[in-house]
Amino acid sequence: MSGAEAALFTAILPVSALVLAALWLGDCISAAQIAGALCVLGVVALASRGESGSKRPERPSRALGL
């Protein structure tokens, strides 16, 4: 597992703890917790999508043969 994958996995842990607490312990989930979980999942989705295409684009001068 790379460092980037470990960071993404670690970012999801509070969301999974929230879900497990609701299922096992019967905790009530507030709107703020749902909003926070959605923010975390959104950032993780963006980060994991950007990870594969993280190569720097070629400089325009080289692409034009200058």
N, C-alpha and C. Protein backbone atom coordinates (compact mmCIF):
# COMPACT_ATOMS: atom_id res chain seq x y z
N MET A 1 0.86 -1.16 0.00
CA MET A 1 0.00 0.00 0.00
C MET A 1 0.91 1.24 0.00
N SER A 2 0.63 2.15 -0.89
CA SER A 2 1.43 3.36 -0.97
C SER A 2 1.00 4.35 0.11
N GLY A 3 1.78 5.38 0.27
CA GLY A 3 1.46 6.40 1.26
C GLY A 3 0.17 7.12 0.93
N ALA A 4 -0.07 7.36 -0.35
CA ALA A 4 -1.30 8.04 -0.76
C ALA A 4 -2.53 7.18 -0.46
N GLU A 5 -2.43 5.88 -0.71
CA GLU A 5 -3.54 4.98 -0.41
C GLU A 5 -3.80 4.91 1.08
N ALA A 6 -2.72 4.89 1.87
CA ALA A 6 -2.87 4.86 3.33
C ALA A 6 -3.53 6.13 3.84
N ALA A 7 -3.18 7.27 3.25
CA ALA A 7 -3.79 8.53 3.67
C ALA A 7 -5.28 8.56 3.35
N LEU A 8 -5.65 8.06 2.18
CA LEU A 8 -7.07 8.01 1.82
C LEU A 8 -7.85 7.08 2.73
N PHE A 9 -7.24 5.93 3.04
CA PHE A 9 -7.89 4.99 3.95
C PHE A 9 -8.07 5.61 5.33
N THR A 10 -7.06 6.31 5.81
CA THR A 10 -7.12 6.94 7.12
C THR A 10 -8.18 8.03 7.16
N ALA A 11 -8.38 8.72 6.05
CA ALA A 11 -9.39 9.78 6.00
C ALA A 11 -10.80 9.23 6.12
N ILE A 12 -11.00 7.99 5.71
CA ILE A 12 -12.33 7.39 5.74
C ILE A 12 -12.68 6.81 7.12
N LEU A 13 -11.70 6.62 7.97
CA LEU A 13 -11.94 5.98 9.27
C LEU A 13 -12.99 6.70 10.12
N PRO A 14 -12.99 8.03 10.24
CA PRO A 14 -14.05 8.66 11.05
C PRO A 14 -15.45 8.43 10.49
N VAL A 15 -15.57 8.35 9.18
CA VAL A 15 -16.88 8.10 8.57
C VAL A 15 -17.33 6.68 8.90
N SER A 16 -16.43 5.73 8.82
CA SER A 16 -16.81 4.35 9.15
C SER A 16 -17.14 4.22 10.64
N ALA A 17 -16.43 4.96 11.48
CA ALA A 17 -16.74 4.93 12.92
C ALA A 17 -18.12 5.51 13.18
N LEU A 18 -18.49 6.54 12.44
CA LEU A 18 -19.82 7.14 12.57
C LEU A 18 -20.91 6.13 12.21
N VAL A 19 -20.71 5.43 11.11
CA VAL A 19 -21.69 4.45 10.65
C VAL A 19 -21.79 3.27 11.63
N LEU A 20 -20.64 2.78 12.07
CA LEU A 20 -20.65 1.66 13.01
C LEU A 20 -21.28 2.04 14.34
N ALA A 21 -21.02 3.26 14.81
CA ALA A 21 -21.64 3.70 16.07
C ALA A 21 -23.15 3.78 15.94
N ALA A 22 -23.61 4.20 14.77
CA ALA A 22 -25.06 4.28 14.57
C ALA A 22 -25.68 2.88 14.51
N LEU A 23 -24.98 1.95 13.85
CA LEU A 23 -25.53 0.60 13.70
C LEU A 23 -25.43 -0.21 14.99
N TRP A 24 -24.26 -0.22 15.62
CA TRP A 24 -24.06 -1.06 16.80
C TRP A 24 -24.60 -0.45 18.07
N LEU A 25 -24.35 0.84 18.26
CA LEU A 25 -24.70 1.47 19.52
C LEU A 25 -26.03 2.21 19.49
N GLY A 26 -26.58 2.37 18.30
CA GLY A 26 -27.84 3.08 18.17
C GLY A 26 -27.71 4.59 18.31
N ASP A 27 -26.51 5.12 18.11
CA ASP A 27 -26.32 6.57 18.19
C ASP A 27 -27.11 7.28 17.11
N CYS A 28 -27.59 8.45 17.46
CA CYS A 28 -28.28 9.28 16.48
C CYS A 28 -27.25 10.09 15.70
N ILE A 29 -27.44 10.16 14.41
CA ILE A 29 -26.53 10.92 13.55
C ILE A 29 -27.17 12.27 13.26
N SER A 30 -26.42 13.33 13.53
CA SER A 30 -26.94 14.68 13.31
C SER A 30 -26.69 15.12 11.87
N ALA A 31 -27.34 16.20 11.50
CA ALA A 31 -27.17 16.75 10.16
C ALA A 31 -25.73 17.22 9.95
N ALA A 32 -25.11 17.75 10.99
CA ALA A 32 -23.72 18.20 10.88
C ALA A 32 -22.78 17.02 10.64
N GLN A 33 -23.05 15.89 11.27
CA GLN A 33 -22.23 14.70 11.05
C GLN A 33 -22.40 14.16 9.64
N ILE A 34 -23.61 14.20 9.12
CA ILE A 34 -23.85 13.76 7.75
C ILE A 34 -23.13 14.68 6.78
N ALA A 35 -23.22 15.99 7.03
CA ALA A 35 -22.53 16.95 6.16
C ALA A 35 -21.02 16.74 6.21
N GLY A 36 -20.48 16.51 7.38
CA GLY A 36 -19.05 16.25 7.51
C GLY A 36 -18.63 14.99 6.81
N ALA A 37 -19.44 13.93 6.94
CA ALA A 37 -19.13 12.67 6.27
C ALA A 37 -19.16 12.83 4.75
N LEU A 38 -20.13 13.59 4.25
CA LEU A 38 -20.20 13.83 2.81
C LEU A 38 -19.00 14.64 2.32
N CYS A 39 -18.56 15.60 3.11
CA CYS A 39 -17.36 16.37 2.75
C CYS A 39 -16.13 15.46 2.69
N VAL A 40 -15.98 14.63 3.70
CA VAL A 40 -14.83 13.72 3.73
C VAL A 40 -14.87 12.77 2.53
N LEU A 41 -16.02 12.18 2.26
CA LEU A 41 -16.13 11.25 1.13
C LEU A 41 -15.90 11.96 -0.20
N GLY A 42 -16.36 13.21 -0.30
CA GLY A 42 -16.13 13.97 -1.53
C GLY A 42 -14.66 14.26 -1.75
N VAL A 43 -13.97 14.64 -0.70
CA VAL A 43 -12.53 14.92 -0.82
C VAL A 43 -11.77 13.64 -1.15
N VAL A 44 -12.14 12.54 -0.53
CA VAL A 44 -11.47 11.27 -0.82
C VAL A 44 -11.72 10.86 -2.28
N ALA A 45 -12.94 11.07 -2.77
CA ALA A 45 -13.25 10.74 -4.16
C ALA A 45 -12.43 11.60 -5.11
N LEU A 46 -12.34 12.89 -4.83
CA LEU A 46 -11.54 13.77 -5.68
C LEU A 46 -10.06 13.42 -5.62
N ALA A 47 -9.57 13.12 -4.44
CA ALA A 47 -8.15 12.79 -4.30
C ALA A 47 -7.81 11.47 -4.98
N SER A 48 -8.69 10.49 -4.87
CA SER A 48 -8.39 9.20 -5.49
C SER A 48 -8.52 9.28 -7.01
N ARG A 49 -9.40 10.13 -7.50
CA ARG A 49 -9.53 10.30 -8.94
C ARG A 49 -8.34 11.04 -9.51
N GLY A 50 -7.84 12.02 -8.80
CA GLY A 50 -6.71 12.80 -9.27
C GLY A 50 -5.39 12.08 -9.14
N GLU A 51 -5.34 11.02 -8.35
CA GLU A 51 -4.10 10.30 -8.11
C GLU A 51 -3.58 9.64 -9.37
N SER A 52 -4.46 9.08 -10.18
CA SER A 52 -4.00 8.35 -11.37
C SER A 52 -3.54 9.30 -12.46
N GLY A 53 -4.08 10.49 -12.51
CA GLY A 53 -3.69 11.43 -13.55
C GLY A 53 -2.82 12.55 -13.03
N SER A 54 -1.90 12.24 -12.13
CA SER A 54 -1.12 13.28 -11.50
C SER A 54 0.16 13.64 -12.26
N LYS A 55 0.34 13.10 -13.44
CA LYS A 55 1.53 13.44 -14.21
C LYS A 55 1.45 14.88 -14.69
N ARG A 56 2.58 15.55 -14.69
CA ARG A 56 2.60 16.93 -15.14
C ARG A 56 2.44 16.97 -16.65
N PRO A 57 1.65 17.91 -17.15
CA PRO A 57 1.50 18.01 -18.60
C PRO A 57 2.79 18.51 -19.25
N GLU A 58 2.94 18.16 -20.50
CA GLU A 58 4.13 18.58 -21.22
C GLU A 58 4.09 20.08 -21.43
N ARG A 59 5.26 20.70 -21.38
CA ARG A 59 5.32 22.14 -21.57
C ARG A 59 4.88 22.49 -22.98
N PRO A 60 4.12 23.57 -23.16
CA PRO A 60 3.61 23.93 -24.49
C PRO A 60 4.72 24.16 -25.51
N SER A 61 5.85 24.70 -25.09
CA SER A 61 6.94 24.96 -26.04
C SER A 61 7.49 23.66 -26.62
N ARG A 62 7.54 22.62 -25.80
CA ARG A 62 8.03 21.32 -26.32
C ARG A 62 6.99 20.66 -27.22
N ALA A 63 5.73 20.84 -26.88
CA ALA A 63 4.67 20.25 -27.69
C ALA A 63 4.64 20.88 -29.08
N LEU A 64 5.00 22.15 -29.16
CA LEU A 64 4.99 22.85 -30.45
C LEU A 64 6.31 22.70 -31.19
N GLY A 65 7.27 22.05 -30.57
CA GLY A 65 8.56 21.85 -31.21
C GLY A 65 9.46 23.07 -31.14
N LEU A 66 9.23 23.95 -30.21
CA LEU A 66 10.04 25.17 -30.07
C LEU A 66 11.19 24.96 -29.14
